[in-house]
Amino acid sequence: MTDKIEREKRVVEKMIRIFCHHHHNTASAELCDDCDRLLDYCRMRLDRCPKGELKSSCRKCEIHCYSPLMKQKIKAVMRYAGPRMILYHPVDALRHMISELK
């Protein structure tokens, strides 16, 4: 596994946890079943990313790996959790903003 893929997995997990905690009233250390399935799906897609270490953000990628339903779910998570990452996980948020500029 590449460091970049592992970092992406950690960030997406943090984002899903923020979303789940605020939308599904779960404890910050827990996920509801739906969010847990989404996290598993995201991890699986990242593990199978054909670009590996050379991957850009999924938003910029020309290969669309996610099913339409899961794409819709992760977009909702990112729309909500993305702006809040600067409060909860500032280092990850700044790293992501910098990588988006590349």
C-alpha atoms as a PDB file:
ATOM      1  CA  MET A   1       0.000   0.000   0.000  1.00  0.00           C
ATOM      2  CA  THR A   2       1.233   3.452  -0.772  1.00  0.00           C
ATOM      3  CA  ASP A   3       1.538   6.225   1.776  1.00  0.00           C
ATOM      4  CA  LYS A   4      -0.685   8.488  -0.316  1.00  0.00           C
ATOM      5  CA  ILE A   5      -3.474   5.899  -0.477  1.00  0.00           C
ATOM      6  CA  GLU A   6      -3.225   5.234   3.268  1.00  0.00           C
ATOM      7  CA  ARG A   7      -3.367   8.968   3.985  1.00  0.00           C
ATOM      8  CA  GLU A   8      -6.455   9.281   1.747  1.00  0.00           C
ATOM      9  CA  LYS A   9      -8.114   6.432   3.647  1.00  0.00           C
ATOM     10  CA  ARG A  10      -7.461   8.150   6.982  1.00  0.00           C
ATOM     11  CA  VAL A  11      -8.821  11.476   5.717  1.00  0.00           C
ATOM     12  CA  VAL A  12     -11.979   9.975   4.230  1.00  0.00           C
ATOM     13  CA  GLU A  13     -12.572   8.116   7.497  1.00  0.00           C
ATOM     14  CA  LYS A  14     -12.266  11.366   9.444  1.00  0.00           C
ATOM     15  CA  MET A  15     -14.715  13.049   7.096  1.00  0.00           C
ATOM     16  CA  ILE A  16     -17.235  10.219   7.343  1.00  0.00           C
ATOM     17  CA  ARG A  17     -16.951  10.280  11.148  1.00  0.00           C
ATOM     18  CA  ILE A  18     -17.686  14.032  11.241  1.00  0.00           C
ATOM     19  CA  PHE A  19     -20.679  13.567   8.948  1.00  0.00           C
ATOM     20  CA  CYS A  20     -22.046  10.544  10.820  1.00  0.00           C
ATOM     21  CA  HIS A  21     -21.633  12.148  14.229  1.00  0.00           C
ATOM     22  CA  HIS A  22     -23.565  15.259  13.161  1.00  0.00           C
ATOM     23  CA  HIS A  23     -26.209  13.621  10.947  1.00  0.00           C
ATOM     24  CA  HIS A  24     -26.820  10.280  12.621  1.00  0.00           C
ATOM     25  CA  ASN A  25     -26.146  11.241  16.252  1.00  0.00           C
ATOM     26  CA  THR A  26     -23.412   8.675  16.743  1.00  0.00           C
ATOM     27  CA  ALA A  27     -20.536   8.936  19.188  1.00  0.00           C
ATOM     28  CA  SER A  28     -17.400  10.276  17.511  1.00  0.00           C
ATOM     29  CA  ALA A  29     -15.733   6.865  17.866  1.00  0.00           C
ATOM     30  CA  GLU A  30     -18.665   5.019  16.243  1.00  0.00           C
ATOM     31  CA  LEU A  31     -20.285   4.896  12.823  1.00  0.00           C
ATOM     32  CA  CYS A  32     -23.839   3.949  11.912  1.00  0.00           C
ATOM     33  CA  ASP A  33     -24.215   0.919   9.639  1.00  0.00           C
ATOM     34  CA  ASP A  34     -24.746   3.042   6.512  1.00  0.00           C
ATOM     35  CA  CYS A  35     -21.640   5.160   7.126  1.00  0.00           C
ATOM     36  CA  ASP A  36     -19.623   2.065   8.030  1.00  0.00           C
ATOM     37  CA  ARG A  37     -20.569   0.504   4.675  1.00  0.00           C
ATOM     38  CA  LEU A  38     -19.625   3.734   2.894  1.00  0.00           C
ATOM     39  CA  LEU A  39     -16.226   3.743   4.627  1.00  0.00           C
ATOM     40  CA  ASP A  40     -15.605   0.106   3.666  1.00  0.00           C
ATOM     41  CA  TYR A  41     -16.550   0.897   0.079  1.00  0.00           C
ATOM     42  CA  CYS A  42     -14.216   3.922  -0.047  1.00  0.00           C
ATOM     43  CA  ARG A  43     -11.342   1.895   1.358  1.00  0.00           C
ATOM     44  CA  MET A  44     -11.935  -0.865  -1.194  1.00  0.00           C
ATOM     45  CA  ARG A  45     -11.998   1.637  -4.068  1.00  0.00           C
ATOM     46  CA  LEU A  46      -8.776   3.262  -2.831  1.00  0.00           C
ATOM     47  CA  ASP A  47      -7.105  -0.143  -2.516  1.00  0.00           C
ATOM     48  CA  ARG A  48      -7.998  -0.831  -6.147  1.00  0.00           C
ATOM     49  CA  CYS A  49      -7.073   2.596  -7.511  1.00  0.00           C
ATOM     50  CA  PRO A  50      -5.304   1.968 -10.835  1.00  0.00           C
ATOM     51  CA  LYS A  51      -3.257   5.158 -10.459  1.00  0.00           C
ATOM     52  CA  GLY A  52      -1.757   4.203  -7.099  1.00  0.00           C
ATOM     53  CA  GLU A  53       0.825   6.690  -5.854  1.00  0.00           C
ATOM     54  CA  LEU A  54       0.253   8.902  -8.912  1.00  0.00           C
ATOM     55  CA  LYS A  55      -3.430   9.434  -8.166  1.00  0.00           C
ATOM     56  CA  SER A  56      -4.946  12.863  -8.064  1.00  0.00           C
ATOM     57  CA  SER A  57      -7.977  13.597  -5.956  1.00  0.00           C
ATOM     58  CA  CYS A  58     -10.909  11.434  -6.977  1.00  0.00           C
ATOM     59  CA  ARG A  59     -12.802  14.590  -7.931  1.00  0.00           C
ATOM     60  CA  LYS A  60     -10.207  15.378 -10.612  1.00  0.00           C
ATOM     61  CA  CYS A  61      -9.749  11.805 -11.843  1.00  0.00           C
ATOM     62  CA  GLU A  62     -10.889  10.794 -15.322  1.00  0.00           C
ATOM     63  CA  ILE A  63     -11.572   7.240 -14.102  1.00  0.00           C
ATOM     64  CA  HIS A  64     -14.864   7.092 -12.207  1.00  0.00           C
ATOM     65  CA  CYS A  65     -14.574   4.159  -9.793  1.00  0.00           C
ATOM     66  CA  TYR A  66     -17.578   4.798  -7.567  1.00  0.00           C
ATOM     67  CA  SER A  67     -21.071   3.507  -8.293  1.00  0.00           C
ATOM     68  CA  PRO A  68     -23.590   6.345  -8.781  1.00  0.00           C
ATOM     69  CA  LEU A  69     -25.213   5.739  -5.367  1.00  0.00           C
ATOM     70  CA  MET A  70     -21.919   5.657  -3.476  1.00  0.00           C
ATOM     71  CA  LYS A  71     -20.658   8.680  -5.406  1.00  0.00           C
ATOM     72  CA  GLN A  72     -23.759  10.578  -4.305  1.00  0.00           C
ATOM     73  CA  LYS A  73     -23.224   9.524  -0.673  1.00  0.00           C
ATOM     74  CA  ILE A  74     -19.543  10.457  -0.527  1.00  0.00           C
ATOM     75  CA  LYS A  75     -20.251  13.798  -2.198  1.00  0.00           C
ATOM     76  CA  ALA A  76     -22.782  14.593   0.548  1.00  0.00           C
ATOM     77  CA  VAL A  77     -20.210  13.627   3.183  1.00  0.00           C
ATOM     78  CA  MET A  78     -17.512  15.776   1.601  1.00  0.00           C
ATOM     79  CA  ARG A  79     -19.810  18.760   1.100  1.00  0.00           C
ATOM     80  CA  TYR A  80     -20.646  18.689   4.806  1.00  0.00           C
ATOM     81  CA  ALA A  81     -17.377  17.554   6.375  1.00  0.00           C
ATOM     82  CA  GLY A  82     -14.928  19.290   4.029  1.00  0.00           C
ATOM     83  CA  PRO A  83     -15.393  22.813   5.423  1.00  0.00           C
ATOM     84  CA  ARG A  84     -15.403  21.450   8.980  1.00  0.00           C
ATOM     85  CA  MET A  85     -12.100  19.606   8.567  1.00  0.00           C
ATOM     86  CA  ILE A  86     -10.214  22.847   9.229  1.00  0.00           C
ATOM     87  CA  LEU A  87     -11.745  22.866  12.738  1.00  0.00           C
ATOM     88  CA  TYR A  88     -11.448  19.163  13.547  1.00  0.00           C
ATOM     89  CA  HIS A  89      -8.334  18.118  11.616  1.00  0.00           C
ATOM     90  CA  PRO A  90      -6.490  21.290  10.467  1.00  0.00           C
ATOM     91  CA  VAL A  91      -3.286  19.568   9.318  1.00  0.00           C
ATOM     92  CA  ASP A  92      -5.189  17.164   7.072  1.00  0.00           C
ATOM     93  CA  ALA A  93      -7.335  20.003   5.743  1.00  0.00           C
ATOM     94  CA  LEU A  94      -4.318  22.143   4.867  1.00  0.00           C
ATOM     95  CA  ARG A  95      -2.507  19.203   3.275  1.00  0.00           C
ATOM     96  CA  HIS A  96      -5.583  18.533   1.131  1.00  0.00           C
ATOM     97  CA  MET A  97      -5.909  22.185   0.084  1.00  0.00           C
ATOM     98  CA  ILE A  98      -2.264  22.241  -0.972  1.00  0.00           C
ATOM     99  CA  SER A  99      -2.591  18.991  -2.923  1.00  0.00           C
ATOM    100  CA  GLU A 100      -5.664  20.367  -4.730  1.00  0.00           C
ATOM    101  CA  LEU A 101      -3.578  23.265  -6.024  1.00  0.00           C
ATOM    102  CA  LYS A 102      -1.146  20.907  -7.761  1.00  0.00           C
END
